[in-house]
Amino acid sequence: MIGHDWLGGTSGSINLAKVWPDGHDEIVALSAHNNHLIIFGKRSIVVYEGADSPATMALSDTVAGVGCVGRDTIQHTGVDVIFLSYTGLKSFGRTIQEKSMPLSSLSNTITTDIIQLLREENEVFQSVYHPEENFYLLTFVNQDITYCFDLRGTLENGSYRVTRWPGTGFTCYERKGDGTLLIGSLLGVGEYSGFLDNGSSYGFKYYSPELSFGDPSKLKFLKKLRPTVVGGSGLNVFLKWDYDFGYSYNTAVLTLKNEAKRLNLEKVNTP
């Protein structure tokens, strides 16, 4: 392939000036999916079919109002293309299907946080898709925040489950042909494996959304909680709860004895 030769053979060019849905845009990235050429702008998307050769290419679709913030946020999952827009994480397939409706996001639960991070004008983005563990990592390098999206299924609102990894120092990723995931960081190059953070244990925090238990009009108080915890034998689990969207949490500490145990939390110091 001769990148600078635009004449003869199977070379060619396309003019996007008249096909951008909003009249103008700036190309951010190119991708291919199902014999389609996907051209990502900052605020829109243009799709060409018959992309095997410039002679057979034809405009197939356009999407206004949704673009891509950076080339390195785009990842192929085999059945779809995932990318980060200015309104959250998006699926190319879903974006094409829903373009005439209010667009949903794969990151609905943290879209506000992502939009806040995108306000950093000179942000650098890195991402990787790891099919072995079925997750997508998205890193805001300058702000040292990584989001891990679980692609094994979606929540009721259509978004992926997501975990926030702050302060990792991750700067780049590379997945090798044998499935090994290499991670570049301030410490050098590491491999994603095991259940430790650079040889050390780490804390995991999870806060659920406020729960109405089916009827928000009724007043409720906590009597008993029965979580199912798998793994973590011998570790302490801290359970916190509060009422009316408050932050003055009540706390109970439980020690896991078995690899899989159903725990009963009796009402403790609740109003």
Protein backbone atom coordinates (compact mmCIF):
# COMPACT_ATOMS: atom_id res chain seq x y z
CA MET A 1 0.00 0.00 0.00
CA ILE A 2 1.35 3.43 -0.98
CA GLY A 3 -0.33 5.94 1.32
CA HIS A 4 0.55 9.04 -0.69
CA ASP A 5 -0.44 7.67 -4.14
CA TRP A 6 -4.02 8.72 -4.93
CA LEU A 7 -4.00 7.88 -8.64
CA GLY A 8 -4.46 4.54 -10.46
CA GLY A 9 -5.15 1.03 -9.23
CA THR A 10 -7.69 0.86 -6.40
CA SER A 11 -6.88 4.31 -5.06
CA GLY A 12 -9.46 7.05 -4.83
CA SER A 13 -10.88 9.82 -2.69
CA ILE A 14 -14.22 10.93 -1.28
CA ASN A 15 -15.45 14.46 -0.55
CA LEU A 16 -17.27 14.79 2.77
CA ALA A 17 -18.03 18.49 2.42
CA LYS A 18 -21.57 17.83 1.16
CA VAL A 19 -22.45 14.73 3.20
CA TRP A 20 -21.88 15.82 6.80
CA PRO A 21 -25.44 15.83 8.25
CA ASP A 22 -24.90 19.17 10.00
CA GLY A 23 -23.07 20.76 7.08
CA HIS A 24 -19.56 20.56 8.49
CA ASP A 25 -17.47 18.54 10.92
CA GLU A 26 -13.93 17.37 11.59
CA ILE A 27 -12.77 13.77 11.04
CA VAL A 28 -11.65 12.15 14.30
CA ALA A 29 -11.33 8.47 13.34
CA LEU A 30 -12.00 5.81 10.72
CA SER A 31 -13.26 2.30 11.34
CA ALA A 32 -14.61 -0.66 9.36
CA HIS A 33 -17.50 -2.96 10.24
CA ASN A 34 -19.50 -5.42 8.12
CA ASN A 35 -18.04 -4.11 4.86
CA HIS A 36 -18.90 -0.53 5.86
CA LEU A 37 -16.48 2.34 6.23
CA ILE A 38 -17.36 4.37 9.33
CA ILE A 39 -16.12 7.96 9.41
CA PHE A 40 -16.36 9.48 12.89
CA GLY A 41 -16.55 13.24 13.18
CA LYS A 42 -16.60 15.19 16.42
CA ARG A 43 -20.37 15.71 16.21
CA SER A 44 -21.60 13.31 13.55
CA ILE A 45 -21.00 10.00 11.77
CA VAL A 46 -20.94 9.14 8.05
CA VAL A 47 -21.19 5.53 6.83
CA TYR A 48 -20.22 4.22 3.37
CA GLU A 49 -21.19 0.78 2.10
CA GLY A 50 -19.30 -1.32 -0.47
CA ALA A 51 -16.01 -0.31 1.14
CA ASP A 52 -13.97 -3.11 -0.43
CA SER A 53 -13.02 -0.72 -3.21
CA PRO A 54 -13.42 3.05 -3.80
CA ALA A 55 -15.16 2.19 -7.09
CA THR A 56 -18.05 0.49 -5.26
CA MET A 57 -18.36 2.82 -2.28
CA ALA A 58 -21.64 4.63 -1.79
CA LEU A 59 -23.08 6.74 1.01
CA SER A 60 -25.15 4.45 3.23
CA ASP A 61 -26.12 6.43 6.33
CA THR A 62 -25.43 9.52 8.41
CA VAL A 63 -25.99 10.30 12.08
CA ALA A 64 -26.20 13.85 13.38
CA GLY A 65 -25.47 14.92 16.93
CA VAL A 66 -23.29 11.95 17.87
CA GLY A 67 -19.57 11.82 17.21
CA CYS A 68 -16.37 10.47 18.72
CA VAL A 69 -14.07 12.27 21.17
CA GLY A 70 -10.92 10.36 20.19
CA ARG A 71 -9.61 7.64 17.88
CA ASP A 72 -8.25 5.52 20.73
CA THR A 73 -11.65 5.10 22.37
CA ILE A 74 -12.88 2.93 19.44
CA GLN A 75 -12.86 -0.83 19.98
CA HIS A 76 -14.27 -3.73 17.94
CA THR A 77 -16.08 -6.41 19.91
CA GLY A 78 -16.60 -8.71 16.93
CA VAL A 79 -20.31 -7.94 16.63
CA ASP A 80 -20.21 -4.18 17.17
CA VAL A 81 -18.01 -1.10 17.47
CA ILE A 82 -17.85 0.79 20.78
CA PHE A 83 -16.73 4.41 21.00
CA LEU A 84 -16.84 7.37 23.39
CA SER A 85 -18.96 10.35 22.38
CA TYR A 86 -19.40 13.68 24.15
CA THR A 87 -22.54 12.26 25.78
CA GLY A 88 -21.14 8.93 26.98
CA LEU A 89 -20.15 5.51 25.72
CA LYS A 90 -21.98 4.45 22.55
CA SER A 91 -22.53 1.39 20.38
CA PHE A 92 -22.31 1.93 16.63
CA GLY A 93 -25.06 -0.61 15.94
CA ARG A 94 -27.42 0.89 18.50
CA THR A 95 -26.63 4.44 17.32
CA ILE A 96 -27.65 3.57 13.75
CA GLN A 97 -30.86 1.90 14.95
CA GLU A 98 -31.90 4.72 17.29
CA LYS A 99 -30.81 7.77 15.32
CA SER A 100 -34.40 8.97 14.89
CA MET A 101 -35.09 8.55 18.64
CA PRO A 102 -33.46 9.88 21.81
CA LEU A 103 -30.13 8.05 21.83
CA SER A 104 -29.39 5.74 24.73
CA SER A 105 -25.95 5.36 26.26
CA LEU A 106 -23.96 2.36 27.39
CA SER A 107 -22.77 4.46 30.33
CA ASN A 108 -26.06 5.84 31.64
CA THR A 109 -25.10 5.23 35.27
CA ILE A 110 -21.98 7.44 35.02
CA THR A 111 -22.67 9.69 32.03
CA THR A 112 -22.60 12.81 34.23
CA ASP A 113 -19.15 11.82 35.53
CA ILE A 114 -17.85 11.21 32.00
CA ILE A 115 -19.13 14.56 30.73
CA GLN A 116 -17.37 16.23 33.66
CA LEU A 117 -14.08 14.49 32.75
CA LEU A 118 -14.48 15.50 29.10
CA ARG A 119 -14.26 19.15 30.10
CA GLU A 120 -10.49 18.69 30.31
CA GLU A 121 -9.63 20.21 26.93
CA ASN A 122 -6.29 18.43 26.43
CA GLU A 123 -7.39 15.02 27.70
CA VAL A 124 -5.75 11.89 26.26
CA PHE A 125 -7.88 8.76 25.91
CA GLN A 126 -6.84 5.12 25.84
CA SER A 127 -9.00 2.00 25.67
CA VAL A 128 -8.89 -1.74 25.12
CA TYR A 129 -11.37 -4.57 24.66
CA HIS A 130 -10.48 -7.84 26.40
CA PRO A 131 -12.73 -10.64 25.07
CA GLU A 132 -11.29 -13.23 27.46
CA GLU A 133 -12.76 -11.37 30.45
CA ASN A 134 -15.35 -9.53 28.32
CA PHE A 135 -14.58 -6.02 29.52
CA TYR A 136 -13.80 -2.66 27.94
CA LEU A 137 -11.32 -0.36 29.70
CA LEU A 138 -11.52 3.39 29.12
CA THR A 139 -8.78 5.57 30.59
CA PHE A 140 -8.68 9.34 30.98
CA VAL A 141 -4.88 9.50 31.10
CA ASN A 142 -4.35 13.09 32.28
CA GLN A 143 -6.88 12.69 35.11
CA ASP A 144 -5.68 9.16 35.97
CA ILE A 145 -9.14 7.58 36.00
CA THR A 146 -10.06 4.27 34.36
CA TYR A 147 -13.56 2.85 33.89
CA CYS A 148 -14.05 -0.88 33.46
CA PHE A 149 -17.26 -1.74 31.60
CA ASP A 150 -18.62 -5.29 31.93
CA LEU A 151 -19.86 -6.29 28.45
CA ARG A 152 -21.44 -9.58 29.51
CA GLY A 153 -24.89 -7.99 29.79
CA THR A 154 -26.74 -4.73 30.25
CA LEU A 155 -28.79 -3.31 33.09
CA GLU A 156 -32.49 -2.48 32.82
CA ASN A 157 -31.67 0.97 31.41
CA GLY A 158 -29.50 -0.54 28.66
CA SER A 159 -26.15 0.48 30.13
CA TYR A 160 -23.22 -1.71 31.12
CA ARG A 161 -22.17 -2.37 34.68
CA VAL A 162 -19.11 -0.25 35.35
CA THR A 163 -16.33 -0.08 37.94
CA ARG A 164 -14.21 3.03 38.57
CA TRP A 165 -10.46 2.52 39.00
CA PRO A 166 -8.85 5.77 40.28
CA GLY A 167 -5.12 6.38 40.57
CA THR A 168 -3.91 3.40 38.53
CA GLY A 169 -1.30 5.28 36.51
CA PHE A 170 -2.37 3.38 33.35
CA THR A 171 -1.28 5.10 30.14
CA CYS A 172 -1.76 2.56 27.30
CA TYR A 173 -2.87 -0.99 26.45
CA GLU A 174 -1.99 -3.77 24.03
CA ARG A 175 -3.73 -7.12 23.65
CA LYS A 176 -1.50 -9.79 22.12
CA GLY A 177 -2.69 -12.51 19.76
CA ASP A 178 -2.67 -15.14 22.53
CA GLY A 179 -5.05 -13.05 24.66
CA THR A 180 -2.43 -11.58 27.00
CA LEU A 181 -3.35 -8.02 28.00
CA LEU A 182 -0.35 -5.74 28.51
CA ILE A 183 -0.78 -2.47 30.38
CA GLY A 184 1.62 0.44 30.18
CA SER A 185 1.88 2.62 33.29
CA LEU A 186 4.18 5.00 35.09
CA LEU A 187 5.92 1.92 36.55
CA GLY A 188 6.58 0.26 33.18
CA VAL A 189 4.75 -2.54 31.36
CA GLY A 190 2.61 -5.01 33.31
CA GLU A 191 0.33 -7.95 32.55
CA TYR A 192 -3.32 -8.17 33.55
CA SER A 193 -3.54 -11.36 35.61
CA GLY A 194 -4.30 -12.59 39.12
CA PHE A 195 -6.29 -10.80 41.81
CA LEU A 196 -3.75 -8.36 43.26
CA ASP A 197 -2.75 -4.79 42.45
CA ASN A 198 0.97 -4.92 41.65
CA GLY A 199 1.34 -7.63 44.30
CA SER A 200 -0.77 -5.87 46.94
CA SER A 201 -4.39 -6.23 48.00
CA TYR A 202 -6.83 -3.40 47.35
CA GLY A 203 -10.18 -2.16 48.61
CA PHE A 204 -13.41 -2.52 46.64
CA LYS A 205 -16.33 -0.13 47.23
CA TYR A 206 -19.84 -0.42 45.82
CA TYR A 207 -22.74 1.96 46.42
CA SER A 208 -26.13 1.01 45.04
CA PRO A 209 -28.65 3.60 43.86
CA GLU A 210 -31.45 4.56 46.25
CA LEU A 211 -33.98 1.73 46.48
CA SER A 212 -37.75 2.23 46.78
CA PHE A 213 -38.57 -1.52 47.03
CA GLY A 214 -41.47 -1.17 44.64
CA ASP A 215 -43.50 1.50 46.42
CA PRO A 216 -41.82 4.89 47.01
CA SER A 217 -44.93 6.25 48.77
CA LYS A 218 -44.47 4.00 51.81
CA LEU A 219 -42.08 4.74 54.67
CA LYS A 220 -39.54 1.97 55.24
CA PHE A 221 -36.76 1.03 57.64
CA LEU A 222 -34.13 -1.68 57.49
CA LYS A 223 -34.86 -4.87 59.44
CA LYS A 224 -32.68 -7.48 57.77
CA LEU A 225 -30.32 -7.65 54.79
CA ARG A 226 -29.32 -10.92 53.10
CA PRO A 227 -26.45 -10.41 50.63
CA THR A 228 -24.89 -13.36 48.84
CA VAL A 229 -21.10 -13.08 48.81
CA VAL A 230 -18.95 -15.50 46.80
CA GLY A 231 -15.25 -15.75 47.64
CA GLY A 232 -13.16 -13.62 49.99
CA SER A 233 -12.87 -16.12 52.86
CA GLY A 234 -11.55 -14.47 56.04
CA LEU A 235 -12.04 -10.92 54.77
CA ASN A 236 -14.11 -8.19 56.43
CA VAL A 237 -17.13 -6.76 54.65
CA PHE A 238 -18.40 -3.30 55.62
CA LEU A 239 -22.11 -2.72 54.96
CA LYS A 240 -23.46 0.82 55.04
CA TRP A 241 -27.01 2.15 54.75
CA ASP A 242 -28.93 5.40 55.12
CA TYR A 243 -32.35 6.89 54.42
CA ASP A 244 -33.84 9.74 52.36
CA PHE A 245 -30.77 10.21 50.11
CA GLY A 246 -28.59 10.94 53.13
CA TYR A 247 -24.88 10.35 53.75
CA SER A 248 -24.86 9.70 57.52
CA TYR A 249 -24.37 5.99 57.03
CA ASN A 250 -24.97 3.30 59.61
CA THR A 251 -22.29 0.59 59.41
CA ALA A 252 -21.99 -3.11 60.22
CA VAL A 253 -18.84 -5.20 59.85
CA LEU A 254 -19.04 -8.89 58.90
CA THR A 255 -16.25 -11.44 58.50
CA LEU A 256 -16.59 -13.97 55.70
CA LYS A 257 -16.04 -17.52 56.91
CA ASN A 258 -16.85 -19.64 53.88
CA GLU A 259 -16.17 -19.19 50.15
CA ALA A 260 -19.90 -18.83 49.54
CA LYS A 261 -22.10 -17.73 52.41
CA ARG A 262 -25.47 -16.06 52.78
CA LEU A 263 -25.22 -13.34 55.41
CA ASN A 264 -28.01 -12.00 57.62
CA LEU A 265 -27.67 -8.44 58.81
CA GLU A 266 -30.02 -7.62 61.67
CA LYS A 267 -31.23 -4.09 62.26
CA VAL A 268 -28.41 -2.20 64.04
CA ASN A 269 -28.56 1.43 65.26
CA THR A 270 -31.20 2.43 62.72
CA PRO A 271 -33.66 5.22 63.46
